[in-house]
Amino acid sequence: MSERAPDSSRQLKEFERRVVELEAQGRREEALRIYAERVFPEVRKRFVEQAHDVLHGKKYQYLILTTGMTPEPLVLSLSAFKPRRAYFLYTGGSEKTIDQVAEACGLRIRDVERKRVSPSDARDVYKAVKDIVEELGGVAKLAIDITGGTKVMVGGCSMAAALLRADIFYVESEFGWCLGKSRPGSERLVKLENPYEVFGDLDMEIGVELFNKHAYTGARGVFNRLAKNGIDEPRSRTFCLLSEAYECWDRFNYREARSKMEDVLRRLKNTPLLAQEKVHALEAQASILDTLKRNQKENLSKLLRDEKFTAYLICDLYANALRREGQGRYDDGIIRLYRILELISQSRLARVHGIDAGSVKGVPPEAVERFAELNAELYEGRKGVPKKLALMDGWTLLLSLGDRESGIGSLEELKALKDIAQRRNLSMVEHSNETRDRKDFHEFVAFTLPFIRREIPDLEERLAGHRFIEL
């Protein structure tokens, strides 16, 4: 590596000092301009010189890069490798980074290929890398840079590279200098001679990332593999069991979730792996599961006469709907909200009127007549009270019985319920080919919440116990 002239180094240090001062003064745009025009070009030159020693003259015609939100490491990598073609693995949020990098490196459109991958599915990333390798006919002239992107992207890319015997590199640096940039001069190209050495820690991070995104099946698989390989066995086995517990709970298999949670708590008692407040949260959740698991042993109509049980079940469905929102699964979230509305009507019929929504009998004649009249107004056709009540049937019967305390006190309110229920009835998951978005979900929440609060006045306090912990 050639020596830098003393004057050049002093000038660079002065620019670095100026960038730090400007950021401290709140003059961020000016600081970014000086970094881009004065500091980064020198960083780039030094990086290319250092990378030359790492590459030992080997030329790579193709470069795969995992793409995150920061362009500088990718610019450095491309400057060092100078590939004939660059393949960017990106997610929806990081595509703009590709444009910034391509402009900075002077890449033409034909020099760049974009492959969108799932930010939470390592298998999707693995497949994308494998497809590229098959397209190129092997890995002889291919390098893979795993510096950017999510841990899941990096993990999938690393596993593919190792199994396909491709060379793996990353840009190492001291991050957190200022402006969200690395400390100038700390950047260096590193080659992973044995990528399997990093898989243990990397897999643990992937598992945690999947867990915190409520992807419990994927997290369980990662932690189970780590446990079987003897990598941090107490932690990986415990996290695997907790993933299983939440996976079961997320599917409303409360009995199995309670059994797994018991195993988790027993392990945490012997080996403290989580902060004490999280252990306490899991203990409280075990108690909640004790109540919810009655759903798999007792008659539902009988259970719905129990206000405490109904409140727990409604709260759990609502928490589940919020998790689906967090995953962008709005159709599934709306189905949970729909079930809440249905459940509230069934509980009210059972508690107040002694009517089992699953086997209706004993409805007073005047209520039967009113039910037919309301249906004629709703659907332009009279209808008798069915033996099994769906959502609209349940609320229509409550209004027919003169139950105005339930939340529906007029035909107009019943029509509003019918309109919102159509969001579920016409969803892709149910009976149509339409998909629901965040706006649909939030409108359904806004309609449903008053009914929930009528049943559970202390909703926020109760809901805390149904929120799954993060690792």
Protein backbone atom coordinates (compact mmCIF):
# COMPACT_ATOMS: atom_id res chain seq x y z
CA MET A 1 0.00 0.00 0.00
CA SER A 2 1.42 3.39 -0.96
CA GLU A 3 2.13 6.02 1.70
CA ARG A 4 -0.12 9.05 1.97
CA ALA A 5 1.50 12.47 1.75
CA PRO A 6 1.55 14.20 5.17
CA ASP A 7 -0.23 17.27 3.75
CA SER A 8 -3.01 15.07 2.31
CA SER A 9 -3.56 13.32 5.65
CA ARG A 10 -3.60 16.61 7.55
CA GLN A 11 -6.10 18.07 5.10
CA LEU A 12 -8.34 15.01 5.46
CA LYS A 13 -8.24 15.25 9.25
CA GLU A 14 -9.24 18.90 8.99
CA PHE A 15 -12.24 18.02 6.83
CA GLU A 16 -13.24 15.27 9.27
CA ARG A 17 -13.04 17.71 12.17
CA ARG A 18 -15.17 20.19 10.22
CA VAL A 19 -17.85 17.55 9.52
CA VAL A 20 -18.10 16.72 13.24
CA GLU A 21 -18.38 20.42 14.16
CA LEU A 22 -21.11 21.08 11.60
CA GLU A 23 -23.19 18.13 12.78
CA ALA A 24 -22.85 19.30 16.38
CA GLN A 25 -24.13 22.72 15.28
CA GLY A 26 -27.16 21.14 13.60
CA ARG A 27 -25.89 21.98 10.10
CA ARG A 28 -26.37 18.44 8.87
CA GLU A 29 -26.80 19.17 5.14
CA GLU A 30 -23.52 21.11 5.01
CA ALA A 31 -21.77 18.35 6.96
CA LEU A 32 -23.07 15.71 4.54
CA ARG A 33 -21.87 17.76 1.56
CA ILE A 34 -18.33 18.06 2.92
CA TYR A 35 -18.29 14.36 3.79
CA ALA A 36 -19.43 13.41 0.28
CA GLU A 37 -17.12 15.84 -1.57
CA ARG A 38 -14.00 15.90 0.60
CA VAL A 39 -13.88 12.94 3.00
CA PHE A 40 -15.43 9.96 1.22
CA PRO A 41 -13.38 10.25 -2.01
CA GLU A 42 -10.18 9.89 0.05
CA VAL A 43 -11.73 7.02 2.05
CA ARG A 44 -12.54 5.34 -1.25
CA LYS A 45 -8.96 5.66 -2.56
CA ARG A 46 -7.48 4.22 0.61
CA PHE A 47 -9.98 1.36 0.67
CA VAL A 48 -9.17 0.33 -2.91
CA GLU A 49 -5.46 0.26 -2.05
CA GLN A 50 -6.04 -1.89 1.06
CA ALA A 51 -8.40 -4.22 -0.85
CA HIS A 52 -5.72 -4.82 -3.49
CA ASP A 53 -3.63 -6.57 -0.86
CA VAL A 54 -6.61 -8.70 0.23
CA LEU A 55 -7.54 -9.80 -3.30
CA HIS A 56 -3.94 -10.68 -4.27
CA GLY A 57 -4.62 -9.75 -7.86
CA LYS A 58 -7.61 -12.11 -8.26
CA LYS A 59 -10.27 -10.69 -10.58
CA TYR A 60 -13.98 -11.29 -10.03
CA GLN A 61 -16.27 -10.59 -12.97
CA TYR A 62 -19.44 -10.82 -10.90
CA LEU A 63 -20.36 -9.51 -7.47
CA ILE A 64 -23.46 -10.25 -5.38
CA LEU A 65 -24.24 -7.66 -2.70
CA THR A 66 -26.81 -7.74 0.09
CA THR A 67 -28.33 -4.26 0.08
CA GLY A 68 -29.24 -2.27 3.17
CA MET A 69 -30.00 1.40 3.71
CA THR A 70 -26.36 2.66 3.66
CA PRO A 71 -24.72 3.11 0.24
CA GLU A 72 -21.09 3.81 1.24
CA PRO A 73 -19.97 0.20 2.00
CA LEU A 74 -21.39 -0.99 -1.32
CA VAL A 75 -19.65 1.85 -3.19
CA LEU A 76 -16.38 0.85 -1.54
CA SER A 77 -16.84 -2.80 -2.42
CA LEU A 78 -17.69 -2.10 -6.06
CA SER A 79 -14.76 0.30 -6.32
CA ALA A 80 -12.40 -2.45 -5.15
CA PHE A 81 -13.84 -5.34 -7.18
CA LYS A 82 -14.77 -3.44 -10.37
CA PRO A 83 -17.01 -6.33 -11.50
CA ARG A 84 -18.43 -6.66 -14.98
CA ARG A 85 -21.88 -7.14 -13.46
CA ALA A 86 -23.32 -6.46 -10.00
CA TYR A 87 -26.27 -8.36 -8.52
CA PHE A 88 -28.09 -6.48 -5.75
CA LEU A 89 -30.28 -8.48 -3.34
CA TYR A 90 -32.70 -5.95 -1.89
CA THR A 91 -35.96 -5.55 0.02
CA GLY A 92 -38.74 -3.06 -0.61
CA GLY A 93 -37.14 -0.49 1.68
CA SER A 94 -33.60 -0.70 0.29
CA GLU A 95 -34.08 -0.43 -3.50
CA LYS A 96 -33.30 3.29 -3.49
CA THR A 97 -29.82 2.44 -2.17
CA ILE A 98 -29.10 0.63 -5.44
CA ASP A 99 -29.74 3.82 -7.43
CA GLN A 100 -27.40 5.81 -5.17
CA VAL A 101 -24.65 3.20 -5.49
CA ALA A 102 -25.04 2.84 -9.27
CA GLU A 103 -24.75 6.60 -9.72
CA ALA A 104 -21.71 6.89 -7.45
CA CYS A 105 -19.92 4.05 -9.27
CA GLY A 106 -20.98 5.03 -12.77
CA LEU A 107 -22.73 1.71 -13.39
CA ARG A 108 -24.78 1.36 -16.55
CA ILE A 109 -28.23 -0.26 -16.53
CA ARG A 110 -26.88 -3.42 -18.17
CA ASP A 111 -24.20 -3.69 -15.45
CA VAL A 112 -26.82 -3.98 -12.70
CA GLU A 113 -29.33 -6.69 -11.86
CA ARG A 114 -31.82 -6.35 -9.01
CA LYS A 115 -33.30 -9.31 -7.17
CA ARG A 116 -35.96 -8.58 -4.58
CA VAL A 117 -35.95 -10.95 -1.60
CA SER A 118 -37.94 -11.37 1.59
CA PRO A 119 -36.34 -9.55 4.56
CA SER A 120 -37.42 -12.36 6.92
CA ASP A 121 -36.94 -15.54 4.87
CA ALA A 122 -33.36 -16.82 4.59
CA ARG A 123 -34.54 -19.51 2.16
CA ASP A 124 -35.67 -16.85 -0.30
CA VAL A 125 -32.22 -15.25 -0.19
CA TYR A 126 -30.55 -18.64 -0.54
CA LYS A 127 -32.64 -19.38 -3.65
CA ALA A 128 -31.79 -16.00 -5.19
CA VAL A 129 -28.04 -16.66 -4.79
CA LYS A 130 -28.39 -20.21 -6.10
CA ASP A 131 -30.28 -18.96 -9.18
CA ILE A 132 -27.52 -16.45 -9.94
CA VAL A 133 -24.81 -19.12 -9.61
CA GLU A 134 -26.71 -21.45 -11.93
CA GLU A 135 -27.15 -18.59 -14.42
CA LEU A 136 -23.40 -17.91 -14.36
CA GLY A 137 -22.49 -21.58 -14.60
CA GLY A 138 -20.53 -21.72 -11.34
CA VAL A 139 -18.75 -19.58 -8.76
CA ALA A 140 -15.25 -19.37 -10.25
CA LYS A 141 -15.56 -15.70 -11.17
CA LEU A 142 -18.06 -14.73 -8.48
CA ALA A 143 -17.63 -12.94 -5.14
CA ILE A 144 -20.31 -12.25 -2.54
CA ASP A 145 -20.35 -9.18 -0.28
CA ILE A 146 -22.53 -9.65 2.83
CA THR A 147 -22.00 -6.19 4.36
CA GLY A 148 -25.51 -4.72 3.90
CA GLY A 149 -29.08 -5.81 4.53
CA THR A 150 -30.88 -7.56 7.37
CA LYS A 151 -29.40 -10.37 9.42
CA VAL A 152 -31.72 -12.79 7.64
CA MET A 153 -30.45 -11.62 4.23
CA VAL A 154 -26.85 -11.92 5.37
CA GLY A 155 -27.47 -15.36 6.85
CA GLY A 156 -29.18 -16.75 3.76
CA CYS A 157 -26.50 -15.30 1.51
CA SER A 158 -23.67 -16.66 3.69
CA MET A 159 -25.16 -20.14 3.83
CA ALA A 160 -25.60 -20.20 0.05
CA ALA A 161 -22.05 -18.96 -0.49
CA ALA A 162 -20.59 -21.58 1.83
CA LEU A 163 -22.54 -24.47 0.34
CA LEU A 164 -21.77 -23.33 -3.21
CA ARG A 165 -18.12 -22.66 -2.32
CA ALA A 166 -18.20 -19.00 -3.37
CA ASP A 167 -15.78 -16.44 -1.92
CA ILE A 168 -17.37 -14.24 0.78
CA PHE A 169 -16.25 -10.72 1.69
CA TYR A 170 -17.51 -7.91 3.87
CA VAL A 171 -16.54 -4.31 4.55
CA GLU A 172 -15.39 -3.98 8.15
CA SER A 173 -15.43 -0.55 9.82
CA GLU A 174 -15.86 1.35 13.07
CA PHE A 175 -19.50 2.38 12.79
CA GLY A 176 -21.06 5.31 14.68
CA TRP A 177 -18.57 8.10 13.94
CA CYS A 178 -21.07 10.84 12.97
CA LEU A 179 -23.84 11.40 10.41
CA GLY A 180 -24.49 7.66 10.70
CA LYS A 181 -21.18 7.03 8.88
CA SER A 182 -18.19 4.87 9.71
CA ARG A 183 -15.01 6.45 11.06
CA PRO A 184 -13.02 7.53 7.98
CA GLY A 185 -10.01 5.28 7.43
CA SER A 186 -11.39 2.39 9.50
CA GLU A 187 -12.97 0.72 6.44
CA ARG A 188 -11.24 -2.40 5.20
CA LEU A 189 -12.15 -5.35 3.00
CA VAL A 190 -12.16 -8.70 4.82
CA LYS A 191 -12.38 -12.15 3.28
CA LEU A 192 -14.04 -14.92 5.28
CA GLU A 193 -11.73 -17.86 4.84
CA ASN A 194 -14.10 -20.18 6.72
CA PRO A 195 -17.67 -18.82 6.64
CA TYR A 196 -18.95 -21.65 8.86
CA GLU A 197 -17.14 -20.01 11.79
CA VAL A 198 -19.58 -17.10 11.76
CA PHE A 199 -22.74 -19.19 11.36
CA GLY A 200 -23.31 -19.84 15.06
CA ASP A 201 -23.55 -16.20 16.09
CA LEU A 202 -25.18 -15.24 12.82
CA ASP A 203 -27.84 -17.94 13.11
CA MET A 204 -28.62 -16.84 16.67
CA GLU A 205 -29.15 -13.28 15.42
CA ILE A 206 -31.33 -14.58 12.57
CA GLY A 207 -33.41 -16.60 15.01
CA VAL A 208 -33.91 -13.59 17.27
CA GLU A 209 -34.85 -11.39 14.31
CA LEU A 210 -37.44 -13.91 13.11
CA PHE A 211 -38.80 -14.31 16.66
CA ASN A 212 -39.24 -10.57 17.10
CA LYS A 213 -41.17 -10.42 13.82
CA HIS A 214 -43.57 -13.10 15.12
CA ALA A 215 -42.19 -15.60 12.57
CA TYR A 216 -42.11 -18.28 15.26
CA THR A 217 -41.99 -21.31 12.95
CA GLY A 218 -38.84 -20.00 11.24
CA ALA A 219 -37.29 -18.98 14.57
CA ARG A 220 -37.97 -22.42 16.02
CA GLY A 221 -36.18 -24.04 13.09
CA VAL A 222 -33.09 -21.86 13.53
CA PHE A 223 -32.86 -22.35 17.30
CA ASN A 224 -33.47 -26.09 16.98
CA ARG A 225 -30.62 -26.43 14.48
CA LEU A 226 -28.29 -24.51 16.80
CA ALA A 227 -29.28 -26.71 19.75
CA LYS A 228 -28.70 -29.91 17.78
CA ASN A 229 -25.25 -28.65 16.77
CA GLY A 230 -24.45 -27.91 20.42
CA ILE A 231 -24.06 -24.17 19.82
CA ASP A 232 -24.94 -22.26 23.01
CA GLU A 233 -27.25 -25.18 23.82
CA PRO A 234 -29.00 -23.79 26.95
CA ARG A 235 -29.94 -20.56 25.18
CA SER A 236 -30.82 -22.07 21.80
CA ARG A 237 -32.90 -24.89 23.36
CA THR A 238 -34.79 -22.46 25.62
CA PHE A 239 -35.45 -20.04 22.76
CA CYS A 240 -36.60 -22.97 20.61
CA LEU A 241 -39.14 -23.96 23.29
CA LEU A 242 -40.34 -20.37 23.67
CA SER A 243 -40.75 -20.12 19.87
CA GLU A 244 -42.83 -23.31 20.01
CA ALA A 245 -44.93 -21.93 22.87
CA TYR A 246 -45.69 -18.71 20.99
CA GLU A 247 -46.20 -20.60 17.73
CA CYS A 248 -48.89 -22.73 19.43
CA TRP A 249 -50.41 -19.70 21.15
CA ASP A 250 -50.51 -17.81 17.84
CA ARG A 251 -52.57 -20.71 16.43
CA PHE A 252 -54.87 -20.67 19.50
CA ASN A 253 -53.54 -24.07 20.67
CA TYR A 254 -53.57 -22.88 24.28
CA ARG A 255 -53.08 -26.25 25.96
CA GLU A 256 -49.89 -27.05 24.05
CA ALA A 257 -48.66 -23.48 24.48
CA ARG A 258 -49.09 -23.78 28.25
CA SER A 259 -47.10 -27.04 28.33
CA LYS A 260 -44.22 -25.49 26.34
CA MET A 261 -44.29 -22.37 28.51
CA GLU A 262 -43.91 -24.52 31.61
CA ASP A 263 -40.76 -26.06 30.09
CA VAL A 264 -39.42 -22.60 29.26
CA LEU A 265 -39.97 -21.29 32.80
CA ARG A 266 -38.34 -24.37 34.32
CA ARG A 267 -35.24 -23.81 32.17
CA LEU A 268 -35.13 -20.10 32.97
CA LYS A 269 -35.24 -20.91 36.68
CA ASN A 270 -32.06 -22.97 36.34
CA THR A 271 -30.31 -20.78 33.75
CA PRO A 272 -31.04 -17.03 33.72
CA LEU A 273 -31.07 -16.15 30.02
CA LEU A 274 -33.59 -13.29 30.03
CA ALA A 275 -34.01 -10.10 32.03
CA GLN A 276 -36.09 -10.64 35.17
CA GLU A 277 -38.97 -8.46 33.96
CA LYS A 278 -39.32 -10.68 30.89
CA VAL A 279 -39.35 -13.79 33.04
CA HIS A 280 -42.12 -12.22 35.13
CA ALA A 281 -44.02 -11.43 31.91
CA LEU A 282 -43.76 -15.09 30.85
CA GLU A 283 -44.99 -16.23 34.27
CA ALA A 284 -48.02 -13.95 33.91
CA GLN A 285 -48.64 -15.33 30.43
CA ALA A 286 -48.57 -18.89 31.78
CA SER A 287 -51.40 -17.87 34.10
CA ILE A 288 -53.34 -16.38 31.16
CA LEU A 289 -52.89 -19.65 29.26
CA ASP A 290 -54.30 -21.54 32.25
CA THR A 291 -57.57 -19.70 31.66
CA LEU A 292 -57.52 -19.80 27.86
CA LYS A 293 -56.81 -23.53 27.64
CA ARG A 294 -60.30 -24.17 29.06
CA ASN A 295 -61.44 -23.43 25.49
CA GLN A 296 -60.12 -26.85 24.42
CA LYS A 297 -61.77 -28.80 27.24
CA GLU A 298 -65.18 -27.25 27.96
CA ASN A 299 -68.31 -26.44 25.97
CA LEU A 300 -67.93 -23.00 24.34
CA SER A 301 -71.51 -21.94 25.02
CA LYS A 302 -70.99 -22.70 28.71
CA LEU A 303 -67.68 -20.84 28.72
CA LEU A 304 -69.22 -17.77 27.11
CA ARG A 305 -71.48 -17.38 30.15
CA ASP A 306 -68.26 -16.75 32.11
CA GLU A 307 -67.43 -13.03 31.78
CA LYS A 308 -63.83 -13.54 32.89
CA PHE A 309 -63.15 -16.21 30.27
CA THR A 310 -64.87 -14.18 27.54
CA ALA A 311 -62.74 -11.13 28.40
CA TYR A 312 -59.54 -13.22 28.19
CA LEU A 313 -60.56 -14.67 24.82
CA ILE A 314 -61.55 -11.31 23.33
CA CYS A 315 -58.30 -9.76 24.54
CA ASP A 316 -56.31 -12.61 23.03
CA LEU A 317 -58.03 -12.32 19.67
CA TYR A 318 -57.36 -8.57 19.65
CA ALA A 319 -53.66 -9.05 20.50
CA ASN A 320 -53.46 -11.66 17.74
CA ALA A 321 -55.02 -9.20 15.27
CA LEU A 322 -52.41 -6.58 16.19
CA ARG A 323 -49.61 -9.09 15.56
CA ARG A 324 -51.08 -9.82 12.12
CA GLU A 325 -51.10 -6.07 11.44
CA GLY A 326 -47.41 -5.92 12.38
CA GLN A 327 -46.71 -8.57 9.74
CA GLY A 328 -48.77 -6.77 7.10
CA ARG A 329 -51.33 -9.61 7.11
CA TYR A 330 -54.37 -7.33 7.18
CA ASP A 331 -56.84 -9.94 5.90
CA ASP A 332 -55.94 -12.25 8.78
CA GLY A 333 -56.15 -9.36 11.25
CA ILE A 334 -59.64 -8.45 10.06
CA ILE A 335 -60.77 -12.07 10.45
CA ARG A 336 -59.72 -11.92 14.13
CA LEU A 337 -61.66 -8.68 14.62
CA TYR A 338 -64.70 -10.19 12.91
CA ARG A 339 -64.51 -13.15 15.30
CA ILE A 340 -64.42 -10.74 18.26
CA LEU A 341 -67.67 -9.11 17.16
CA GLU A 342 -69.22 -12.55 16.67
CA LEU A 343 -67.96 -13.72 20.06
CA ILE A 344 -69.37 -10.70 21.89
CA SER A 345 -72.84 -11.35 20.47
CA GLN A 346 -72.63 -15.07 21.34
CA SER A 347 -71.50 -14.30 24.88
CA ARG A 348 -74.28 -11.75 25.36
CA LEU A 349 -76.90 -14.21 24.10
CA ALA A 350 -75.59 -16.94 26.43
CA ARG A 351 -75.15 -14.78 29.57
CA VAL A 352 -78.21 -12.56 29.39
CA HIS A 353 -80.74 -14.55 27.38
CA GLY A 354 -79.68 -18.17 27.92
CA ILE A 355 -79.43 -18.79 24.16
CA ASP A 356 -76.71 -21.08 22.75
CA ALA A 357 -75.60 -19.59 19.39
CA GLY A 358 -74.54 -23.05 18.26
CA SER A 359 -77.93 -24.67 18.96
CA VAL A 360 -80.66 -22.04 19.10
CA LYS A 361 -83.95 -22.78 20.82
CA GLY A 362 -86.47 -21.10 23.09
CA VAL A 363 -86.57 -17.75 21.26
CA PRO A 364 -89.79 -15.84 22.18
CA PRO A 365 -92.30 -15.63 19.26
CA GLU A 366 -92.25 -11.82 19.22
CA ALA A 367 -88.43 -11.90 18.84
CA VAL A 368 -88.74 -14.41 15.99
CA GLU A 369 -91.15 -12.06 14.19
CA ARG A 370 -88.91 -9.03 14.79
CA PHE A 371 -85.92 -11.04 13.53
CA ALA A 372 -87.75 -11.72 10.24
CA GLU A 373 -88.70 -8.04 9.90
CA LEU A 374 -85.13 -6.86 10.46
CA ASN A 375 -83.80 -9.33 7.92
CA ALA A 376 -86.32 -8.02 5.38
CA GLU A 377 -84.88 -4.53 5.97
CA LEU A 378 -81.27 -5.76 5.73
CA TYR A 379 -81.52 -8.23 2.87
CA GLU A 380 -84.93 -7.57 1.25
CA GLY A 381 -86.27 -10.92 2.36
CA ARG A 382 -87.74 -12.34 5.57
CA LYS A 383 -85.78 -15.05 7.33
CA GLY A 384 -86.38 -17.28 10.31
CA VAL A 385 -83.97 -17.61 13.23
CA PRO A 386 -81.38 -20.26 12.18
CA LYS A 387 -80.19 -23.07 14.47
CA LYS A 388 -76.61 -21.76 14.29
CA LEU A 389 -75.97 -18.04 14.41
CA ALA A 390 -73.32 -16.28 12.34
CA LEU A 391 -72.19 -12.75 13.17
CA MET A 392 -75.11 -10.83 11.65
CA ASP A 393 -77.64 -13.40 12.92
CA GLY A 394 -76.36 -13.01 16.48
CA TRP A 395 -76.57 -9.23 16.53
CA THR A 396 -79.91 -9.20 14.72
CA LEU A 397 -81.33 -11.57 17.34
CA LEU A 398 -80.01 -9.39 20.16
CA LEU A 399 -81.79 -6.37 18.68
CA SER A 400 -84.92 -8.50 18.16
CA LEU A 401 -84.82 -9.39 21.86
CA GLY A 402 -84.75 -5.67 22.72
CA ASP A 403 -81.18 -5.90 24.10
CA ARG A 404 -79.92 -2.35 23.60
CA GLU A 405 -77.10 -2.68 26.13
CA SER A 406 -75.14 -4.92 23.75
CA GLY A 407 -73.93 -2.09 21.51
CA ILE A 408 -76.41 -2.35 18.62
CA GLY A 409 -79.58 -0.42 19.45
CA SER A 410 -81.15 0.37 16.07
CA LEU A 411 -81.55 -0.80 12.49
CA GLU A 412 -79.09 1.89 11.35
CA GLU A 413 -76.41 0.54 13.69
CA LEU A 414 -77.14 -2.97 12.47
CA LYS A 415 -76.65 -1.79 8.87
CA ALA A 416 -73.32 -0.21 9.85
CA LEU A 417 -72.25 -3.58 11.26
CA LYS A 418 -73.29 -5.27 8.02
CA ASP A 419 -71.20 -2.80 5.99
CA ILE A 420 -68.04 -3.32 8.07
CA ALA A 421 -68.54 -7.11 8.07
CA GLN A 422 -68.32 -7.03 4.28
CA ARG A 423 -64.61 -6.15 4.64
CA ARG A 424 -64.12 -9.68 5.92
CA ASN A 425 -66.68 -11.42 3.71
CA LEU A 426 -65.07 -10.10 0.51
CA SER A 427 -61.47 -10.72 1.54
CA MET A 428 -59.13 -13.00 -0.41
CA VAL A 429 -58.84 -15.29 2.60
CA GLU A 430 -62.59 -15.79 2.83
CA HIS A 431 -64.92 -15.58 -0.18
CA SER A 432 -63.50 -13.27 -2.84
CA ASN A 433 -60.30 -12.20 -4.60
CA GLU A 434 -59.92 -8.82 -2.90
CA THR A 435 -57.08 -8.08 -0.50
CA ARG A 436 -57.30 -5.75 2.48
CA ASP A 437 -54.83 -2.99 3.32
CA ARG A 438 -53.82 -1.08 6.45
CA LYS A 439 -56.68 1.43 5.96
CA ASP A 440 -59.27 -1.37 5.90
CA PHE A 441 -57.75 -2.88 9.02
CA HIS A 442 -57.72 0.41 10.95
CA GLU A 443 -61.32 1.16 9.98
CA PHE A 444 -62.35 -2.29 11.24
CA VAL A 445 -60.43 -1.65 14.48
CA ALA A 446 -62.13 1.73 14.92
CA PHE A 447 -65.55 0.06 14.55
CA THR A 448 -64.74 -2.90 16.81
CA LEU A 449 -62.97 -1.14 19.70
CA PRO A 450 -66.11 0.41 21.29
CA PHE A 451 -67.63 -3.09 21.51
CA ILE A 452 -64.43 -4.46 23.06
CA ARG A 453 -64.21 -1.63 25.60
CA ARG A 454 -67.84 -2.18 26.60
CA GLU A 455 -66.89 -5.77 27.48
CA ILE A 456 -63.41 -4.95 28.84
CA PRO A 457 -63.18 -1.43 30.36
CA ASP A 458 -59.55 -2.01 31.43
CA LEU A 459 -58.50 -3.21 27.94
CA GLU A 460 -55.03 -1.58 27.81
CA GLU A 461 -54.03 -3.03 31.18
CA ARG A 462 -55.23 -6.51 30.26
CA LEU A 463 -53.75 -6.35 26.77
CA ALA A 464 -50.22 -5.98 28.15
CA GLY A 465 -50.30 -9.59 29.34
CA HIS A 466 -51.21 -10.84 25.86
CA ARG A 467 -48.34 -9.02 24.11
CA PHE A 468 -45.54 -11.45 23.34
CA ILE A 469 -42.07 -10.56 24.63
CA GLU A 470 -39.12 -9.79 22.35
CA LEU A 471 -35.70 -11.40 22.67
